[in-house]
Protein backbone atom coordinates (compact mmCIF):
# COMPACT_ATOMS: atom_id res chain seq x y z
CA UNK A 1 -6.43 108.54 -43.76
CA UNK A 2 -7.03 105.19 -42.22
CA UNK A 3 -3.49 104.02 -43.07
CA UNK A 4 -0.64 104.62 -45.75
CA UNK A 5 -1.51 101.44 -47.64
CA UNK A 6 -5.07 101.76 -47.96
CA UNK A 7 -6.34 103.18 -51.66
CA UNK A 8 -6.48 105.94 -53.42
CA UNK A 9 -9.97 106.99 -52.10
CA UNK A 10 -8.44 107.53 -48.72
CA UNK A 11 -5.78 109.39 -50.17
CA UNK A 12 -5.73 113.44 -51.47
CA UNK A 13 -2.00 114.02 -52.46
CA UNK A 14 -1.44 113.06 -56.19
CA UNK A 15 1.89 113.30 -57.57
CA UNK A 16 4.14 112.48 -60.40
CA UNK A 17 1.33 112.77 -63.23
CA UNK A 18 1.99 111.93 -66.75
CA UNK A 19 -0.39 112.60 -69.37
CA UNK A 20 -0.74 110.52 -72.75
CA UNK A 21 -3.19 111.84 -75.09
CA UNK A 22 -4.00 108.52 -77.42
CA UNK A 23 -2.07 105.45 -77.98
CA UNK A 24 -2.76 103.10 -80.65
CA UNK A 25 -0.28 100.03 -79.88
CA UNK A 26 1.39 100.53 -76.58
CA UNK A 27 4.64 98.32 -76.95
CA UNK A 28 6.31 101.30 -75.13
CA UNK A 29 5.00 104.10 -73.71
CA UNK A 30 7.80 106.81 -73.26
CA UNK A 31 5.92 109.65 -71.66
CA UNK A 32 4.38 107.63 -68.79
CA UNK A 33 7.54 107.26 -66.64
CA UNK A 34 6.03 105.80 -63.67
CA UNK A 35 4.59 102.96 -65.61
CA UNK A 36 7.43 100.50 -66.71
CA UNK A 37 6.32 96.83 -67.08
CA UNK A 38 2.78 95.42 -67.59
CA UNK A 39 2.92 92.47 -69.99
CA UNK A 40 1.21 90.85 -72.62
CA UNK A 41 -2.75 91.88 -72.51
CA UNK A 42 -4.94 91.05 -75.07
CA UNK A 43 -6.96 94.03 -75.49
CA UNK A 44 -7.84 97.27 -73.63
CA UNK A 45 -10.75 99.20 -74.76
CA UNK A 46 -9.75 102.25 -73.10
CA UNK A 47 -7.52 103.16 -70.17
CA UNK A 48 -9.28 106.14 -69.07
CA UNK A 49 -7.21 106.88 -66.00
CA UNK A 50 -4.41 104.99 -64.42
CA UNK A 51 -4.49 106.06 -60.90
CA UNK A 52 -1.82 104.64 -59.14
CA UNK A 53 -1.18 104.23 -55.49
CA UNK A 54 1.88 103.98 -53.38
CA UNK A 55 2.51 100.53 -53.77
CA UNK A 56 2.65 101.06 -57.65
CA UNK A 57 4.71 104.05 -58.33
CA UNK A 58 5.62 102.16 -61.25
CA UNK A 59 4.03 99.16 -63.05
CA UNK A 60 7.08 98.06 -65.09
CA UNK A 61 6.25 97.68 -68.91
CA UNK A 62 3.01 97.88 -70.73
CA UNK A 63 3.63 95.35 -73.67
CA UNK A 64 2.46 93.83 -75.79
CA UNK A 65 -1.15 95.26 -75.79
CA UNK A 66 -2.72 94.69 -79.16
CA UNK A 67 -5.05 97.48 -79.01
CA UNK A 68 -5.42 100.64 -76.60
CA UNK A 69 -7.94 103.25 -77.94
CA UNK A 70 -6.97 105.96 -75.51
CA UNK A 71 -5.22 106.51 -72.46
CA UNK A 72 -6.27 109.91 -70.92
CA UNK A 73 -4.42 110.28 -67.57
CA UNK A 74 -1.71 108.43 -65.47
CA UNK A 75 -1.17 109.47 -62.03
CA UNK A 76 0.89 108.00 -59.21
CA UNK A 77 -0.57 108.19 -56.12
CA UNK A 78 -0.05 106.40 -52.70
CA UNK A 79 -1.20 103.29 -52.21
CA UNK A 80 -3.18 101.48 -55.13
CA UNK A 81 -3.06 101.97 -59.03
CA UNK A 82 -5.34 101.19 -61.26
CA UNK A 83 -5.92 100.14 -64.93
CA UNK A 84 -9.00 100.30 -65.70
CA UNK A 85 -10.14 97.65 -68.37
CA UNK A 86 -7.85 94.78 -69.01
CA UNK A 87 -8.78 91.47 -70.80
CA UNK A 88 -6.22 88.61 -71.19
CA UNK A 89 -6.14 86.03 -73.78
CA UNK A 90 -7.00 82.96 -72.22
CA UNK A 91 -8.37 81.39 -69.02
CA UNK A 92 -5.61 78.92 -69.39
CA UNK A 93 -1.91 79.88 -67.90
CA UNK A 94 1.05 78.67 -70.12
CA UNK A 95 2.26 75.42 -68.76
CA UNK A 96 5.45 77.07 -67.76
CA UNK A 97 3.84 79.35 -65.46
CA UNK A 98 2.57 76.59 -63.49
CA UNK A 99 6.14 75.14 -62.32
CA UNK A 100 5.29 76.48 -59.17
CA UNK A 101 2.21 75.50 -58.55
CA UNK A 102 1.72 72.13 -56.53
CA UNK A 103 0.26 69.08 -57.32
CA UNK A 104 -3.63 69.86 -57.91
CA UNK A 105 -6.76 68.27 -59.60
CA UNK A 106 -8.97 70.06 -62.57
CA UNK A 107 -11.90 72.30 -61.10
CA UNK A 108 -15.08 70.91 -62.02
CA UNK A 109 -18.24 73.13 -62.57
CA UNK A 110 -20.11 72.01 -59.13
CA UNK A 111 -17.42 73.49 -57.31
CA UNK A 112 -17.43 76.83 -59.47
CA UNK A 113 -21.00 77.00 -58.84
CA UNK A 114 -20.55 76.51 -55.10
CA UNK A 115 -17.94 79.32 -55.06
CA UNK A 116 -20.26 81.78 -57.13
CA UNK A 117 -23.17 81.17 -54.82
CA UNK A 118 -20.77 82.32 -51.79
CA UNK A 119 -19.64 85.44 -53.48
CA UNK A 120 -22.87 86.25 -54.89
CA UNK A 121 -24.77 85.99 -51.85
CA UNK A 122 -22.71 88.40 -50.11
CA UNK A 123 -23.31 92.05 -50.08
CA UNK A 124 -20.00 93.02 -48.24
CA UNK A 125 -17.32 90.51 -49.39
CA UNK A 126 -13.86 90.60 -47.71
CA UNK A 127 -11.33 88.76 -49.66
CA UNK A 128 -7.94 87.88 -48.42
CA UNK A 129 -5.16 86.73 -50.78
CA UNK A 130 -1.80 85.05 -50.35
CA UNK A 131 1.36 83.86 -52.64
CA UNK A 132 -0.82 80.93 -53.80
CA UNK A 133 -2.63 83.12 -56.01
CA UNK A 134 0.30 84.70 -57.79
CA UNK A 135 2.63 81.14 -58.22
CA UNK A 136 0.08 81.19 -61.71
CA UNK A 137 1.88 83.97 -62.64
CA UNK A 138 5.05 82.16 -62.43
CA UNK A 139 5.99 83.70 -59.09
CA UNK A 140 7.56 81.19 -56.65
CA UNK A 141 6.44 81.11 -53.03
CA UNK A 142 7.78 79.61 -49.76
CA UNK A 143 5.18 77.02 -48.44
CA UNK A 144 3.79 75.44 -51.28
CA UNK A 145 4.31 71.64 -51.12
CA UNK A 146 6.99 70.19 -53.32
CA UNK A 147 7.65 73.20 -55.21
CA UNK A 148 7.81 76.25 -52.76
CA UNK A 149 11.25 77.48 -51.21
CA UNK A 150 11.07 75.62 -48.24
CA UNK A 151 10.65 72.34 -49.93
CA UNK A 152 13.32 73.03 -52.50
CA UNK A 153 16.09 74.63 -50.87
CA UNK A 154 17.54 75.06 -47.37
CA UNK A 155 17.80 78.86 -48.11
CA UNK A 156 15.58 81.04 -46.10
CA UNK A 157 14.25 84.71 -46.32
CA UNK A 158 16.49 87.70 -45.22
CA UNK A 159 15.18 88.85 -41.27
CA UNK A 160 14.56 92.36 -41.09
CA UNK A 161 17.27 92.52 -38.01
CA UNK A 162 19.78 91.08 -40.62
CA UNK A 163 18.74 93.69 -43.07
CA UNK A 164 18.99 96.66 -40.43
CA UNK A 165 21.76 95.57 -38.73
CA UNK A 166 24.40 94.51 -41.27
CA UNK A 167 25.90 96.51 -44.44
CA UNK A 168 26.88 93.29 -45.60
CA UNK A 169 23.29 91.62 -45.48
CA UNK A 170 22.09 94.67 -47.22
CA UNK A 171 24.65 94.41 -50.00
CA UNK A 172 23.59 90.95 -50.66
CA UNK A 173 19.94 91.62 -50.90
CA UNK A 174 20.33 94.61 -53.12
CA UNK A 175 22.65 92.69 -55.47
CA UNK A 176 20.42 89.60 -55.75
CA UNK A 177 17.44 91.97 -56.05
CA UNK A 178 19.12 93.84 -58.63
CA UNK A 179 19.45 90.92 -60.84
CA UNK A 180 15.95 89.26 -60.12
CA UNK A 181 14.14 92.69 -60.31
CA UNK A 182 13.61 92.86 -64.20
CA UNK A 183 11.95 89.27 -64.39
CA UNK A 184 9.79 89.98 -61.39
CA UNK A 185 8.62 93.25 -62.62
CA UNK A 186 7.71 92.04 -65.84
CA UNK A 187 5.15 89.06 -64.46
CA UNK A 188 1.68 89.88 -65.36
CA UNK A 189 -1.65 89.28 -63.67
CA UNK A 190 -3.23 85.85 -63.99
CA UNK A 191 -6.95 84.86 -64.31
CA UNK A 192 -7.50 85.27 -60.56
CA UNK A 193 -6.16 88.80 -60.08
CA UNK A 194 -8.29 89.94 -62.74
CA UNK A 195 -11.39 87.99 -61.67
CA UNK A 196 -11.18 90.29 -58.31
CA UNK A 197 -10.31 93.57 -60.41
CA UNK A 198 -13.53 92.89 -62.63
CA UNK A 199 -15.66 91.69 -59.44
CA UNK A 200 -14.98 95.07 -57.65
CA UNK A 201 -15.48 96.99 -61.21
CA UNK A 202 -18.75 95.23 -62.06
CA UNK A 203 -20.13 94.36 -58.63
CA UNK A 204 -19.05 97.17 -56.41
CA UNK A 205 -22.00 96.40 -54.17
CA UNK A 206 -20.51 92.71 -53.54
CA UNK A 207 -16.62 93.38 -52.91
CA UNK A 208 -16.35 95.32 -50.08
CA UNK A 209 -12.21 95.07 -49.79
CA UNK A 210 -9.48 93.20 -51.07
CA UNK A 211 -6.63 92.69 -48.92
CA UNK A 212 -3.22 90.66 -49.92
CA UNK A 213 -0.29 89.52 -48.39
CA UNK A 214 1.49 89.55 -51.52
CA UNK A 215 4.16 92.15 -52.38
CA UNK A 216 4.09 91.76 -56.26
CA UNK A 217 1.31 94.48 -56.86
CA UNK A 218 0.03 92.23 -59.25
CA UNK A 219 -3.74 92.96 -58.00
CA UNK A 220 -2.82 96.56 -58.60
CA UNK A 221 -1.69 96.05 -62.20
CA UNK A 222 -4.89 93.81 -62.77
CA UNK A 223 -6.89 97.10 -61.83
CA UNK A 224 -7.92 96.45 -58.26
CA UNK A 225 -8.66 99.92 -56.39
CA UNK A 226 -10.19 98.79 -53.04
CA UNK A 227 -7.20 97.27 -51.95
CA UNK A 228 -4.62 97.12 -48.93
CA UNK A 229 -1.01 95.25 -49.36
CA UNK A 230 -0.62 93.84 -45.94
CA UNK A 231 3.00 93.45 -46.17
CA UNK A 232 3.44 96.47 -48.59
CA UNK A 233 4.98 96.34 -51.98
CA UNK A 234 8.43 95.66 -53.68
CA UNK A 235 7.77 98.60 -56.25
CA UNK A 236 8.83 101.23 -53.97
CA UNK A 237 11.63 101.80 -51.63
CA UNK A 238 12.01 104.19 -48.50
CA UNK A 239 14.86 105.73 -46.88
CA UNK A 240 15.19 104.49 -43.26
CA UNK A 241 16.83 107.83 -42.29
CA UNK A 242 14.34 110.52 -43.57
CA UNK A 243 11.52 108.61 -44.83
CA UNK A 244 12.02 109.61 -48.55
CA UNK A 245 10.30 107.26 -51.10
CA UNK A 246 11.27 106.44 -54.42
CA UNK A 247 9.94 104.10 -57.08
CA UNK A 248 11.62 100.98 -57.53
CA UNK A 249 12.35 101.35 -61.19
CA UNK A 250 14.19 104.60 -60.47
CA UNK A 251 16.10 102.88 -57.82
CA UNK A 252 16.96 100.16 -60.32
CA UNK A 253 18.29 102.98 -62.41
CA UNK A 254 20.59 104.64 -59.60
CA UNK A 255 21.82 100.80 -58.87
CA UNK A 256 22.76 100.15 -62.58
CA UNK A 257 24.52 103.70 -62.61
CA UNK A 258 26.62 102.33 -59.97
CA UNK A 259 27.14 98.74 -61.19
CA UNK A 260 27.41 99.12 -64.98
CA UNK A 261 27.89 95.68 -66.61
CA UNK A 262 26.80 93.81 -63.38
CA UNK A 263 24.66 90.95 -64.86
CA UNK A 264 24.22 87.19 -64.19
CA UNK A 265 23.19 84.63 -67.23
CA UNK A 266 19.89 83.11 -66.79
CA UNK A 267 19.39 83.58 -63.26
CA UNK A 268 16.88 81.46 -61.49
CA UNK A 269 14.16 83.41 -59.81
CA UNK A 270 13.30 82.96 -55.91
CA UNK A 271 10.39 84.41 -54.01
CA UNK A 272 10.44 88.14 -53.82
CA UNK A 273 12.67 88.88 -56.84
CA UNK A 274 15.42 87.20 -55.12
CA UNK A 275 17.86 85.26 -57.17
CA UNK A 276 21.30 83.23 -56.21
CA UNK A 277 24.61 85.17 -56.71
CA UNK A 278 28.27 83.96 -55.49
CA UNK A 279 29.82 85.85 -52.79
CA UNK A 280 32.57 86.81 -55.26
CA UNK A 281 29.43 88.42 -57.25
CA UNK A 282 27.66 90.26 -54.21
CA UNK A 283 31.30 91.42 -53.16
CA UNK A 284 31.54 93.92 -56.29
CA UNK A 285 28.11 95.30 -55.91
CA UNK A 286 27.55 98.84 -54.77
CA UNK A 287 24.70 99.94 -52.83
CA UNK A 288 23.21 103.32 -53.60
CA UNK A 289 22.25 105.56 -50.50
CA UNK A 290 19.17 107.98 -50.45
CA UNK A 291 19.11 110.18 -53.34
CA UNK A 292 17.34 112.98 -51.12
CA UNK A 293 19.63 113.07 -48.02
CA UNK A 294 22.42 111.39 -49.33
CA UNK A 295 23.23 109.09 -46.68
CA UNK A 296 20.26 107.11 -45.65
CA UNK A 297 19.95 103.46 -45.99
CA UNK A 298 17.22 102.14 -48.66
CA UNK A 299 14.61 99.53 -47.56
CA UNK A 300 12.08 98.17 -49.90
CA UNK A 301 8.81 99.22 -48.84
CA UNK A 302 7.91 95.71 -47.61
CA UNK A 303 7.27 94.07 -44.11
CA UNK A 304 10.23 91.69 -43.64
CA UNK A 305 10.11 88.50 -41.77
CA UNK A 306 10.44 89.34 -38.16
CA UNK A 307 9.12 92.93 -38.68
CA UNK A 308 5.51 94.01 -37.63
CA UNK A 309 2.81 95.33 -39.84
CA UNK A 310 2.06 98.84 -38.88
CA UNK A 311 -0.86 99.24 -36.21
CA UNK A 312 -2.84 101.51 -38.41
CA UNK A 313 -2.88 99.20 -41.32
CA UNK A 314 -4.15 96.29 -38.85
CA UNK A 315 -6.63 98.37 -37.45
CA UNK A 316 -7.96 99.31 -40.65
CA UNK A 317 -8.54 95.90 -41.82
CA UNK A 318 -10.03 94.76 -38.52
CA UNK A 319 -12.90 97.44 -39.04
CA UNK A 320 -13.11 95.93 -42.58
CA UNK A 321 -13.59 92.19 -41.11
CA UNK A 322 -15.94 93.95 -38.67
CA UNK A 323 -17.89 95.48 -41.82
CA UNK A 324 -17.80 92.42 -43.97
CA UNK A 325 -20.35 89.74 -44.18
CA UNK A 326 -18.34 86.86 -45.47
CA UNK A 327 -14.57 86.33 -45.94
CA UNK A 328 -13.03 84.70 -49.03
CA UNK A 329 -9.27 83.25 -48.43
CA UNK A 330 -7.81 82.63 -51.61
CA UNK A 331 -4.15 81.19 -52.12
CA UNK A 332 -2.81 81.52 -48.78
CA UNK A 333 -2.09 78.92 -46.01
CA UNK A 334 -2.46 81.40 -43.18
CA UNK A 335 0.23 80.21 -41.70
CA UNK A 336 1.80 83.89 -40.80
CA UNK A 337 -0.43 85.39 -38.12
CA UNK A 338 -0.28 88.51 -39.98
CA UNK A 339 -3.03 87.20 -42.19
CA UNK A 340 -4.75 84.35 -39.92
CA UNK A 341 -5.59 87.01 -37.58
CA UNK A 342 -8.24 88.18 -39.79
CA UNK A 343 -9.71 84.77 -40.07
CA UNK A 344 -9.89 84.48 -36.31
CA UNK A 345 -11.82 87.56 -35.87
CA UNK A 346 -14.41 86.68 -38.92
CA UNK A 347 -14.96 83.49 -37.00
CA UNK A 348 -15.44 84.98 -33.65
CA UNK A 349 -18.05 87.09 -35.34
CA UNK A 350 -19.80 83.93 -36.79
CA UNK A 351 -18.82 85.02 -40.29
CA UNK A 352 -18.83 82.61 -43.29
CA UNK A 353 -15.31 81.89 -44.43
CA UNK A 354 -14.61 80.01 -47.79
CA UNK A 355 -10.86 79.02 -48.30
CA UNK A 356 -9.43 78.20 -51.66
CA UNK A 357 -5.95 76.71 -51.40
CA UNK A 358 -4.04 74.01 -52.49
CA UNK A 359 -3.25 71.86 -49.37
CA UNK A 360 -4.47 72.65 -45.74
CA UNK A 361 -4.50 75.81 -44.05
CA UNK A 362 -4.19 77.00 -40.43
CA UNK A 363 -7.92 78.37 -40.72
CA UNK A 364 -9.58 74.94 -41.99
CA UNK A 365 -11.21 74.52 -38.55
CA UNK A 366 -12.93 78.11 -38.84
CA UNK A 367 -14.06 77.52 -42.58
CA UNK A 368 -17.56 77.07 -43.74
CA UNK A 369 -16.85 76.07 -47.31
CA UNK A 370 -13.17 74.69 -48.48
CA UNK A 371 -11.37 73.53 -51.89
CA UNK A 372 -8.20 72.34 -51.07
CA UNK A 373 -7.03 70.60 -54.25
CA UNK A 374 -7.96 73.04 -57.27
CA UNK A 375 -6.13 75.71 -58.48
CA UNK A 376 -7.65 79.40 -57.70
CA UNK A 377 -7.72 80.24 -61.54
CA UNK A 378 -9.21 76.91 -62.66
CA UNK A 379 -11.85 77.47 -60.11
CA UNK A 380 -12.85 80.92 -60.90
CA UNK A 381 -12.58 80.26 -64.63
CA UNK A 382 -16.12 79.03 -64.51
CA UNK A 383 -17.44 81.85 -62.27
CA UNK A 384 -19.39 84.15 -64.26
CA UNK A 385 -19.26 87.69 -63.24
């Protein structure tokens, strides 16, 4: 096992297995307790084995799916979950989903062809994705020009030291996350997530590995399996005392039991399932301790701002950089060193780097091909697999 965040190939232990023999219309799947929200897909010919990883011990809500011929088995493993075949209705997202996408121009066929040439001339492509790939799913990010949190608010994400050292900070975090979680968990993958999942499935000899800086597990929902979630996943929580991990959906139920009737009308979703609450509302909220040891502090299974990515995870991904023959960066400004370091390592080895991101990035000077004014999903829509 290279690292706890690598895929199911690297893991031997399987847990929380639910089995569904056959489903014709999945608007609610009562017997799959660890899958809670994957919304609307147009058609799933067969979901032969939903092998999940640690990051998605729950994929919250499979609804509405128009047609599923059979679902044979659902397993929850410890790092990647997979839904074998997923097709979406359209290449064009609903306009409301683009409100967090910064100003851009339409992609043209020439650009799409150049990107296709970059991808399909590789035998071991490494892909790195960031928050910009998920803004098209309706998830706000931090740094997008004009629409990101930093551009629209003076609020800043909670630091690791704040969460660890202060019960008041933890109460604030969990109260806000409790309200934001249902909307966050219900968000679905977009064309870009699906493209990369399909590329892995149809051309396993091209896509070596996928690493994402995102904690939304949308790549996992789309079906990617060769994946490392660099900063962890919001779909799991961990006890800081005994190390016990719990699916986020289960912890949501524990929080709900402690806080009956705690709700906010029409909350505005911020990055990472955060919402605004008043100090008075937060003061009423009760935080659940670890369900196993009974007293441990529960933390989302994510790398906080100010917290280090586990060394084993970084070393594993350095190996993937060394092994790859090209790096594709999608939807990341690479301002955070945790992702930027992989671009510098690839550049040191003279490997080609393609960057698709609206706006400039920290690694522009390292790129051999760059698309800086188009949406990822729009550019990929005309890249035939």
